[in-house]
């Protein structure tokens, strides 16, 4: 899955996790568990299986989001689209085995009127969210793999 490279706000990040891709995948794909390890997520509820087309609803900061899985390729890639406050977001995580652990790469794009009007803010918000999520994912995957 590719993010929208022409969107006004784009972010990307990566981190090395000392846990196998399957463990990282299990943490990422347990949507209902997100609030337990990602302090930016206030609530999350998956409606159905972790499968392309399944919907999950979640709250992050002041935003209430409805997201739909666009790619589910265990344990390599998971991605979704979502909408909130007129912003159309695409988010993808890619997991690659590396040095006995997992290299995690995440990308996100925001499009829509609000993202265009508040381009600088939107870019900073994506970067902060990605950095926080990757750090928290690393901590949780390594903790649960121990």
C-alpha atoms as a PDB file:
ATOM      1  CA  UNK A   1       0.000   0.000   0.000  1.00  0.00           C
ATOM      2  CA  UNK A   2       1.252   3.456  -0.812  1.00  0.00           C
ATOM      3  CA  UNK A   3       0.371   6.655   0.964  1.00  0.00           C
ATOM      4  CA  UNK A   4      -0.708   9.714  -1.039  1.00  0.00           C
ATOM      5  CA  UNK A   5       2.677  11.183  -2.018  1.00  0.00           C
ATOM      6  CA  UNK A   6       0.991  14.331  -3.369  1.00  0.00           C
ATOM      7  CA  UNK A   7      -0.889  15.059  -0.119  1.00  0.00           C
ATOM      8  CA  UNK A   8      -0.088  18.360   1.619  1.00  0.00           C
ATOM      9  CA  UNK A   9       1.063  16.595   4.788  1.00  0.00           C
ATOM     10  CA  UNK A  10       3.285  13.517   4.747  1.00  0.00           C
ATOM     11  CA  UNK A  11       5.373  11.882   7.427  1.00  0.00           C
ATOM     12  CA  UNK A  12       7.585   8.846   7.746  1.00  0.00           C
ATOM     13  CA  UNK A  13       9.630   7.179  10.413  1.00  0.00           C
ATOM     14  CA  UNK A  14      11.498   3.993  11.178  1.00  0.00           C
ATOM     15  CA  UNK A  15      12.838   2.118  14.154  1.00  0.00           C
ATOM     16  CA  UNK A  16      14.670  -1.105  14.936  1.00  0.00           C
ATOM     17  CA  UNK A  17      12.799  -3.448  17.307  1.00  0.00           C
ATOM     18  CA  UNK A  18      14.475  -6.294  19.194  1.00  0.00           C
ATOM     19  CA  UNK A  19      11.563  -8.669  18.567  1.00  0.00           C
ATOM     20  CA  UNK A  20      10.592 -10.841  15.588  1.00  0.00           C
ATOM     21  CA  UNK A  21       8.200  -9.466  12.939  1.00  0.00           C
ATOM     22  CA  UNK A  22       5.421 -11.800  14.137  1.00  0.00           C
ATOM     23  CA  UNK A  23       5.571 -10.274  17.643  1.00  0.00           C
ATOM     24  CA  UNK A  24       5.557  -6.699  16.261  1.00  0.00           C
ATOM     25  CA  UNK A  25       2.652  -7.671  14.000  1.00  0.00           C
ATOM     26  CA  UNK A  26       0.696  -9.078  16.947  1.00  0.00           C
ATOM     27  CA  UNK A  27       1.051  -5.777  18.825  1.00  0.00           C
ATOM     28  CA  UNK A  28       0.097  -3.662  15.790  1.00  0.00           C
ATOM     29  CA  UNK A  29      -2.847  -5.801  14.716  1.00  0.00           C
ATOM     30  CA  UNK A  30      -4.403  -5.967  18.210  1.00  0.00           C
ATOM     31  CA  UNK A  31      -6.409  -2.786  17.621  1.00  0.00           C
ATOM     32  CA  UNK A  32      -8.379  -3.068  20.865  1.00  0.00           C
ATOM     33  CA  UNK A  33      -5.050  -3.168  22.737  1.00  0.00           C
ATOM     34  CA  UNK A  34      -3.649   0.088  21.295  1.00  0.00           C
ATOM     35  CA  UNK A  35      -4.649   2.258  24.282  1.00  0.00           C
ATOM     36  CA  UNK A  36      -2.641  -0.049  26.570  1.00  0.00           C
ATOM     37  CA  UNK A  37       0.690   0.792  24.934  1.00  0.00           C
ATOM     38  CA  UNK A  38       0.207   3.943  22.824  1.00  0.00           C
ATOM     39  CA  UNK A  39      -0.539   6.899  25.099  1.00  0.00           C
ATOM     40  CA  UNK A  40      -1.820   8.913  22.103  1.00  0.00           C
ATOM     41  CA  UNK A  41      -4.727   6.468  21.596  1.00  0.00           C
ATOM     42  CA  UNK A  42      -7.574   6.983  24.071  1.00  0.00           C
ATOM     43  CA  UNK A  43      -9.806   4.165  22.799  1.00  0.00           C
ATOM     44  CA  UNK A  44      -9.891   1.666  19.917  1.00  0.00           C
ATOM     45  CA  UNK A  45     -12.398  -0.975  18.825  1.00  0.00           C
ATOM     46  CA  UNK A  46     -12.097  -3.342  15.871  1.00  0.00           C
ATOM     47  CA  UNK A  47     -15.356  -4.339  14.191  1.00  0.00           C
ATOM     48  CA  UNK A  48     -14.666  -7.781  12.753  1.00  0.00           C
ATOM     49  CA  UNK A  49     -11.438  -9.597  11.904  1.00  0.00           C
ATOM     50  CA  UNK A  50      -8.099  -8.041  10.995  1.00  0.00           C
ATOM     51  CA  UNK A  51      -8.794  -8.246   7.254  1.00  0.00           C
ATOM     52  CA  UNK A  52      -8.957  -5.961   4.243  1.00  0.00           C
ATOM     53  CA  UNK A  53     -12.227  -4.039   4.420  1.00  0.00           C
ATOM     54  CA  UNK A  54     -12.679  -4.386   8.190  1.00  0.00           C
ATOM     55  CA  UNK A  55     -13.405  -1.179  10.091  1.00  0.00           C
ATOM     56  CA  UNK A  56     -12.078   0.053  13.404  1.00  0.00           C
ATOM     57  CA  UNK A  57     -13.071   3.118  15.393  1.00  0.00           C
ATOM     58  CA  UNK A  58     -10.622   4.946  17.592  1.00  0.00           C
ATOM     59  CA  UNK A  59      -9.893   8.183  19.415  1.00  0.00           C
ATOM     60  CA  UNK A  60      -6.570   9.962  19.329  1.00  0.00           C
ATOM     61  CA  UNK A  61      -6.303  13.340  21.014  1.00  0.00           C
ATOM     62  CA  UNK A  62      -9.428  15.318  20.125  1.00  0.00           C
ATOM     63  CA  UNK A  63     -10.069  13.248  16.990  1.00  0.00           C
ATOM     64  CA  UNK A  64     -12.558  10.435  16.547  1.00  0.00           C
ATOM     65  CA  UNK A  65     -11.549   8.308  13.592  1.00  0.00           C
ATOM     66  CA  UNK A  66     -13.140   5.609  11.487  1.00  0.00           C
ATOM     67  CA  UNK A  67     -10.507   3.578   9.658  1.00  0.00           C
ATOM     68  CA  UNK A  68     -10.661   0.724   7.169  1.00  0.00           C
ATOM     69  CA  UNK A  69      -7.914  -1.820   6.550  1.00  0.00           C
ATOM     70  CA  UNK A  70      -6.531  -1.507   3.008  1.00  0.00           C
ATOM     71  CA  UNK A  71      -3.715  -4.064   3.317  1.00  0.00           C
ATOM     72  CA  UNK A  72      -3.240  -6.954   5.737  1.00  0.00           C
ATOM     73  CA  UNK A  73      -0.171  -9.057   4.922  1.00  0.00           C
ATOM     74  CA  UNK A  74       1.002 -10.813   8.096  1.00  0.00           C
ATOM     75  CA  UNK A  75       3.770 -10.262   9.229  1.00  0.00           C
ATOM     76  CA  UNK A  76       5.021  -7.825   6.588  1.00  0.00           C
ATOM     77  CA  UNK A  77       2.572  -4.986   6.059  1.00  0.00           C
ATOM     78  CA  UNK A  78      -0.565  -3.502   7.589  1.00  0.00           C
ATOM     79  CA  UNK A  79      -2.237  -0.317   6.407  1.00  0.00           C
ATOM     80  CA  UNK A  80      -5.483   1.573   6.609  1.00  0.00           C
ATOM     81  CA  UNK A  81      -7.359   4.603   5.416  1.00  0.00           C
ATOM     82  CA  UNK A  82      -9.279   6.848   7.758  1.00  0.00           C
ATOM     83  CA  UNK A  83     -11.276  10.042   7.957  1.00  0.00           C
ATOM     84  CA  UNK A  84     -11.715  12.680  10.612  1.00  0.00           C
ATOM     85  CA  UNK A  85     -12.541  16.399  10.549  1.00  0.00           C
ATOM     86  CA  UNK A  86     -12.391  16.472   6.743  1.00  0.00           C
ATOM     87  CA  UNK A  87      -8.928  14.901   6.668  1.00  0.00           C
ATOM     88  CA  UNK A  88      -8.390  11.770   4.592  1.00  0.00           C
ATOM     89  CA  UNK A  89      -5.484   9.826   6.043  1.00  0.00           C
ATOM     90  CA  UNK A  90      -3.521   6.830   4.789  1.00  0.00           C
ATOM     91  CA  UNK A  91      -1.198   4.992   7.176  1.00  0.00           C
ATOM     92  CA  UNK A  92       1.020   1.982   6.570  1.00  0.00           C
ATOM     93  CA  UNK A  93       3.488  -0.041   8.638  1.00  0.00           C
ATOM     94  CA  UNK A  94       6.067  -2.258   6.918  1.00  0.00           C
ATOM     95  CA  UNK A  95       7.978  -4.887   8.909  1.00  0.00           C
ATOM     96  CA  UNK A  96      11.223  -6.454   7.725  1.00  0.00           C
ATOM     97  CA  UNK A  97      13.349  -9.035   9.571  1.00  0.00           C
ATOM     98  CA  UNK A  98      16.741  -7.509  10.310  1.00  0.00           C
ATOM     99  CA  UNK A  99      19.617  -8.373  12.666  1.00  0.00           C
ATOM    100  CA  UNK A 100      17.526 -10.849  14.663  1.00  0.00           C
ATOM    101  CA  UNK A 101      14.736  -8.298  15.134  1.00  0.00           C
ATOM    102  CA  UNK A 102      12.453  -6.167  13.000  1.00  0.00           C
ATOM    103  CA  UNK A 103      13.023  -2.988  11.035  1.00  0.00           C
ATOM    104  CA  UNK A 104       9.719  -1.081  11.228  1.00  0.00           C
ATOM    105  CA  UNK A 105       8.939   1.661   8.741  1.00  0.00           C
ATOM    106  CA  UNK A 106       5.788   3.751   8.958  1.00  0.00           C
ATOM    107  CA  UNK A 107       4.360   6.334   6.559  1.00  0.00           C
ATOM    108  CA  UNK A 108       1.275   8.514   6.762  1.00  0.00           C
ATOM    109  CA  UNK A 109      -0.381  11.114   4.541  1.00  0.00           C
ATOM    110  CA  UNK A 110      -3.167  13.605   5.213  1.00  0.00           C
ATOM    111  CA  UNK A 111      -5.243  15.204   2.478  1.00  0.00           C
ATOM    112  CA  UNK A 112      -8.277  17.468   2.558  1.00  0.00           C
ATOM    113  CA  UNK A 113      -9.072  21.112   3.160  1.00  0.00           C
ATOM    114  CA  UNK A 114      -7.895  21.223   6.771  1.00  0.00           C
ATOM    115  CA  UNK A 115      -4.609  19.499   5.928  1.00  0.00           C
ATOM    116  CA  UNK A 116      -4.017  22.005   3.107  1.00  0.00           C
ATOM    117  CA  UNK A 117      -4.924  25.078   5.173  1.00  0.00           C
ATOM    118  CA  UNK A 118      -2.884  23.923   8.188  1.00  0.00           C
ATOM    119  CA  UNK A 119      -0.079  22.279   6.222  1.00  0.00           C
ATOM    120  CA  UNK A 120       2.745  23.123   8.648  1.00  0.00           C
ATOM    121  CA  UNK A 121       0.748  22.064  11.698  1.00  0.00           C
ATOM    122  CA  UNK A 122      -0.428  18.881   9.964  1.00  0.00           C
ATOM    123  CA  UNK A 123       3.114  17.875   9.044  1.00  0.00           C
ATOM    124  CA  UNK A 124       4.326  18.437  12.622  1.00  0.00           C
ATOM    125  CA  UNK A 125       1.348  16.500  14.017  1.00  0.00           C
ATOM    126  CA  UNK A 126       2.078  13.512  11.759  1.00  0.00           C
ATOM    127  CA  UNK A 127       5.782  13.528  12.654  1.00  0.00           C
ATOM    128  CA  UNK A 128       5.025  13.675  16.398  1.00  0.00           C
ATOM    129  CA  UNK A 129       2.393  10.908  16.168  1.00  0.00           C
ATOM    130  CA  UNK A 130       4.685   8.631  14.142  1.00  0.00           C
ATOM    131  CA  UNK A 131       7.628   9.175  16.495  1.00  0.00           C
ATOM    132  CA  UNK A 132       5.448   8.468  19.558  1.00  0.00           C
ATOM    133  CA  UNK A 133       3.807   5.409  17.980  1.00  0.00           C
ATOM    134  CA  UNK A 134       7.083   3.865  16.808  1.00  0.00           C
ATOM    135  CA  UNK A 135       8.746   4.375  20.196  1.00  0.00           C
ATOM    136  CA  UNK A 136       5.743   2.904  22.032  1.00  0.00           C
ATOM    137  CA  UNK A 137       5.491  -0.002  19.565  1.00  0.00           C
ATOM    138  CA  UNK A 138       9.162  -0.833  20.128  1.00  0.00           C
ATOM    139  CA  UNK A 139       8.725  -0.790  23.908  1.00  0.00           C
ATOM    140  CA  UNK A 140       5.587  -2.949  23.840  1.00  0.00           C
ATOM    141  CA  UNK A 141       6.883  -5.497  21.293  1.00  0.00           C
ATOM    142  CA  UNK A 142      10.176  -5.894  23.159  1.00  0.00           C
ATOM    143  CA  UNK A 143       8.385  -6.138  26.523  1.00  0.00           C
ATOM    144  CA  UNK A 144       5.971  -8.782  25.280  1.00  0.00           C
ATOM    145  CA  UNK A 145       8.738 -10.736  23.514  1.00  0.00           C
ATOM    146  CA  UNK A 146      10.824 -10.955  26.699  1.00  0.00           C
END
